[in-house]
Amino acid sequence: MFRRAVHFAVGVFVAGVVAFAPISSAMADRYWQCAPFARLVSGIQIFGDAHTWWRQATGRYETGVAPRAGSVLCFKPTGSMSLGHVAVVSQVLTDRVIQITHANWSRIGGSRGQIERDVTVIDVSPAGDWSRVKVWYDPARDIGSSTYPTYGFIHQDAQAVRLASSQFNIAQNAALTVAQSAASQVASTVRPGASPLSILGQAADAGDRIAALIQAVTAPPQR
């Protein structure tokens, strides 16, 4: 059942990413911090450093431990990420696998402050409550080795949905750009050198790959 769910999710992810593309290609030309980018894409009107978002959301937005498309995943501050991090959920693939769109995470071409669209995040918490995650790391072209603690998800209200939707007016050809970028990421994970369009014929392989990643990071240690 789990594997069938993964296969189905991968088979429809291209359609989903086209539906979530409130980003113009020109936006990639500037240095982005995670918080203003997450605010722009989600429409959630919280300001300040990422580690303050969870506290600020209290009484203003619904929060929880289950992901929804459009919600903001809030990372707790750690030694290497002292200001925390926020990322927008672009798609829920399974109960323990999502894709996020965020800024200023990986060094891409040696540079920070860049946007990464529809990258994989896996819940590795013992309770399955998204309190600890692993995140796709572009330089490694794989799920990163580090585990990050999170507060949970801040969900959009009606106003946030309207604000996020208004960004479609400046998207223009961004939907195609985002879909090609996401397809390239998954295709390279499944089979290095594969073209973006070939992902449509590799859904089963991609599902097996994601399933293997989840099993690897959630399996109990061998004694």
Protein backbone atom coordinates (compact mmCIF):
# COMPACT_ATOMS: atom_id res chain seq x y z
CA MET A 1 0.00 0.00 0.00
CA PHE A 2 2.78 2.44 0.93
CA ARG A 3 4.68 1.79 -2.29
CA ARG A 4 1.55 2.20 -4.41
CA ALA A 5 0.90 5.53 -2.69
CA VAL A 6 4.44 6.67 -3.45
CA HIS A 7 4.16 5.59 -7.09
CA PHE A 8 0.91 7.50 -7.48
CA ALA A 9 2.36 10.62 -5.85
CA VAL A 10 5.39 10.65 -8.12
CA GLY A 11 3.22 10.06 -11.17
CA VAL A 12 1.22 13.24 -10.52
CA PHE A 13 3.91 15.52 -9.09
CA VAL A 14 4.52 17.37 -12.36
CA ALA A 15 0.88 18.46 -12.52
CA GLY A 16 1.04 19.55 -8.90
CA VAL A 17 4.13 21.66 -9.34
CA VAL A 18 2.61 23.50 -12.29
CA ALA A 19 -0.30 24.43 -10.04
CA PHE A 20 2.06 25.86 -7.42
CA ALA A 21 4.24 28.37 -9.22
CA PRO A 22 3.76 31.93 -7.88
CA ILE A 23 7.38 32.76 -8.71
CA SER A 24 8.64 34.77 -11.67
CA SER A 25 11.92 33.79 -13.27
CA ALA A 26 13.24 37.29 -12.56
CA MET A 27 13.00 36.61 -8.81
CA ALA A 28 15.96 34.26 -9.08
CA ASP A 29 18.22 37.22 -9.88
CA ARG A 30 18.37 38.49 -6.28
CA TYR A 31 19.71 37.18 -2.96
CA TRP A 32 16.81 35.77 -0.97
CA GLN A 33 16.57 35.17 2.78
CA CYS A 34 14.23 32.34 3.74
CA ALA A 35 11.72 34.41 5.72
CA PRO A 36 10.75 37.09 3.17
CA PHE A 37 10.64 34.47 0.47
CA ALA A 38 8.35 32.19 2.51
CA ARG A 39 6.10 35.16 3.31
CA LEU A 40 5.83 36.06 -0.38
CA VAL A 41 5.09 32.55 -1.59
CA SER A 42 2.73 31.46 1.22
CA GLY A 43 0.96 34.77 1.82
CA ILE A 44 1.39 34.22 5.57
CA GLN A 45 2.05 37.69 7.00
CA ILE A 46 4.63 37.05 9.69
CA PHE A 47 7.76 39.20 9.87
CA GLY A 48 11.08 38.77 11.62
CA ASP A 49 13.65 36.01 11.87
CA ALA A 50 12.53 32.49 11.00
CA HIS A 51 12.88 31.18 14.56
CA THR A 52 10.22 33.69 15.74
CA TRP A 53 7.54 32.62 13.28
CA TRP A 54 6.15 29.75 15.36
CA ARG A 55 5.62 31.96 18.42
CA GLN A 56 4.17 34.77 16.32
CA ALA A 57 1.72 32.38 14.65
CA THR A 58 0.01 31.62 17.97
CA GLY A 59 -3.49 33.05 17.92
CA ARG A 60 -3.11 34.31 14.37
CA TYR A 61 -2.82 31.18 12.22
CA GLU A 62 -3.72 27.54 12.60
CA THR A 63 -0.69 25.39 13.39
CA GLY A 64 -0.16 21.64 13.45
CA VAL A 65 2.09 18.67 12.82
CA ALA A 66 0.49 17.50 9.55
CA PRO A 67 1.69 19.12 6.30
CA ARG A 68 -0.57 20.84 3.79
CA ALA A 69 0.30 22.40 0.47
CA GLY A 70 0.89 26.12 1.03
CA SER A 71 1.76 25.74 4.72
CA VAL A 72 5.06 26.93 6.16
CA LEU A 73 7.37 24.40 7.82
CA CYS A 74 9.19 26.07 10.72
CA PHE A 75 12.64 24.80 11.66
CA LYS A 76 14.00 25.29 15.16
CA PRO A 77 17.31 27.13 15.52
CA THR A 78 20.38 24.90 15.76
CA GLY A 79 24.07 25.56 16.15
CA SER A 80 24.61 25.73 12.41
CA MET A 81 21.28 27.48 11.75
CA SER A 82 20.97 29.90 14.64
CA LEU A 83 18.11 31.93 13.16
CA GLY A 84 16.02 28.91 12.24
CA HIS A 85 14.53 28.40 8.80
CA VAL A 86 11.12 28.53 7.11
CA ALA A 87 10.02 26.76 3.94
CA VAL A 88 6.76 26.51 2.03
CA VAL A 89 5.17 23.11 1.39
CA SER A 90 4.62 22.81 -2.34
CA GLN A 91 3.26 19.25 -2.33
CA VAL A 92 2.47 16.43 0.07
CA LEU A 93 3.61 13.13 -1.44
CA THR A 94 2.95 10.74 1.46
CA ASP A 95 2.38 11.09 5.18
CA ARG A 96 6.18 11.21 5.64
CA VAL A 97 7.40 12.79 2.40
CA ILE A 98 6.77 16.32 1.18
CA GLN A 99 8.28 18.73 -1.29
CA ILE A 100 9.14 22.27 -0.27
CA THR A 101 10.05 25.47 -2.04
CA HIS A 102 12.47 27.62 -0.05
CA ALA A 103 15.38 30.04 -0.22
CA ASN A 104 18.91 30.29 1.14
CA TRP A 105 19.45 26.61 2.00
CA SER A 106 21.94 24.88 -0.29
CA ARG A 107 25.00 26.45 -1.83
CA ILE A 108 24.21 26.26 -5.53
CA GLY A 109 27.20 26.93 -7.73
CA GLY A 110 28.97 28.05 -4.57
CA SER A 111 26.40 30.77 -3.84
CA ARG A 112 23.81 31.19 -1.08
CA GLY A 113 20.54 33.09 -1.19
CA GLN A 114 19.06 31.13 -4.06
CA ILE A 115 15.60 29.66 -4.53
CA GLU A 116 15.14 25.90 -4.58
CA ARG A 117 11.84 24.66 -5.94
CA ASP A 118 10.05 21.44 -5.00
CA VAL A 119 12.81 19.64 -3.16
CA THR A 120 12.25 16.57 -1.02
CA VAL A 121 11.90 16.56 2.76
CA ILE A 122 11.48 13.33 4.75
CA ASP A 123 10.02 13.04 8.24
CA VAL A 124 12.47 10.98 10.34
CA SER A 125 10.87 11.60 13.74
CA PRO A 126 10.23 8.47 15.86
CA ALA A 127 6.58 9.45 16.32
CA GLY A 128 5.97 10.44 12.70
CA ASP A 129 5.02 13.96 13.80
CA TRP A 130 7.45 15.92 11.60
CA SER A 131 9.47 17.06 14.61
CA ARG A 132 12.71 15.94 12.93
CA VAL A 133 13.39 16.00 9.19
CA LYS A 134 16.02 15.45 6.55
CA VAL A 135 16.18 17.84 3.60
CA TRP A 136 17.38 17.54 0.01
CA TYR A 137 20.86 19.08 -0.27
CA ASP A 138 21.68 20.23 -3.77
CA PRO A 139 25.50 19.93 -3.69
CA ALA A 140 25.15 16.25 -2.78
CA ARG A 141 22.23 15.73 -5.19
CA ASP A 142 20.58 13.66 -2.47
CA ILE A 143 18.87 13.87 0.89
CA GLY A 144 21.33 15.57 3.24
CA SER A 145 22.96 13.67 6.08
CA SER A 146 21.94 16.17 8.79
CA THR A 147 18.72 15.92 10.79
CA TYR A 148 16.86 19.12 11.69
CA PRO A 149 14.36 19.71 14.51
CA THR A 150 11.16 21.55 13.60
CA TYR A 151 8.24 23.19 15.41
CA GLY A 152 5.61 22.11 12.88
CA PHE A 153 3.50 23.71 10.17
CA ILE A 154 1.83 27.12 10.04
CA HIS A 155 -1.25 26.85 7.84
CA GLN A 156 -2.61 29.51 5.51
CA ASP A 157 -5.82 31.35 6.29
CA ALA A 158 -8.12 32.71 3.57
CA GLN A 159 -6.22 35.99 3.33
CA ALA A 160 -2.90 34.19 2.95
CA VAL A 161 -4.33 32.05 0.16
CA ARG A 162 -5.52 35.17 -1.66
CA LEU A 163 -2.15 36.89 -1.25
CA ALA A 164 -0.28 33.83 -2.50
CA SER A 165 -2.64 33.44 -5.44
CA SER A 166 -2.11 37.05 -6.47
CA GLN A 167 1.50 36.23 -7.27
CA PHE A 168 0.29 34.30 -10.31
CA ASN A 169 -0.07 37.67 -12.01
CA ILE A 170 3.74 37.98 -12.14
CA ALA A 171 4.51 34.32 -12.78
CA GLN A 172 4.15 34.37 -16.60
CA ASN A 173 6.28 31.42 -17.78
CA ALA A 174 7.40 30.35 -14.31
CA ALA A 175 5.16 27.28 -14.28
CA LEU A 176 7.14 25.71 -17.11
CA THR A 177 10.44 26.68 -15.48
CA VAL A 178 9.43 25.16 -12.14
CA ALA A 179 8.12 21.96 -13.70
CA GLN A 180 11.31 21.47 -15.69
CA SER A 181 13.47 22.16 -12.62
CA ALA A 182 11.58 19.68 -10.45
CA ALA A 183 11.56 17.05 -13.19
CA SER A 184 15.31 17.48 -13.66
CA GLN A 185 15.94 16.97 -9.93
CA VAL A 186 13.94 13.75 -9.73
CA ALA A 187 15.25 12.46 -13.06
CA SER A 188 18.85 12.95 -11.96
CA THR A 189 18.10 11.15 -8.70
CA VAL A 190 16.58 8.20 -10.52
CA ARG A 191 19.03 8.02 -13.40
CA PRO A 192 21.92 10.51 -13.86
CA GLY A 193 21.80 12.21 -17.22
CA ALA A 194 18.10 11.56 -17.79
CA SER A 195 16.14 14.32 -19.52
CA PRO A 196 13.31 16.08 -17.67
CA LEU A 197 10.64 14.60 -19.94
CA SER A 198 11.87 11.07 -19.30
CA ILE A 199 10.60 11.31 -15.73
CA LEU A 200 7.12 10.60 -17.04
CA GLY A 201 8.29 7.12 -17.97
CA GLN A 202 10.16 6.53 -14.72
CA ALA A 203 7.43 6.96 -12.11
CA ALA A 204 7.82 3.44 -10.75
CA ASP A 205 11.59 3.78 -10.48
CA ALA A 206 11.25 7.14 -8.73
CA GLY A 207 8.76 5.68 -6.28
CA ASP A 208 11.19 2.91 -5.42
CA ARG A 209 13.94 5.51 -4.93
CA ILE A 210 11.87 7.60 -2.51
CA ALA A 211 10.70 4.50 -0.67
CA ALA A 212 14.31 3.37 -0.26
CA LEU A 213 15.32 6.79 1.08
CA ILE A 214 12.54 6.73 3.66
CA GLN A 215 13.43 3.21 4.74
CA ALA A 216 17.11 4.13 5.04
CA VAL A 217 16.54 7.14 7.30
CA THR A 218 13.70 5.75 9.42
CA ALA A 219 14.80 2.14 9.95
CA PRO A 220 15.93 1.33 13.52
CA PRO A 221 19.70 0.98 13.92
CA GLN A 222 21.15 -2.47 13.48
CA ARG A 223 22.48 -4.06 16.66
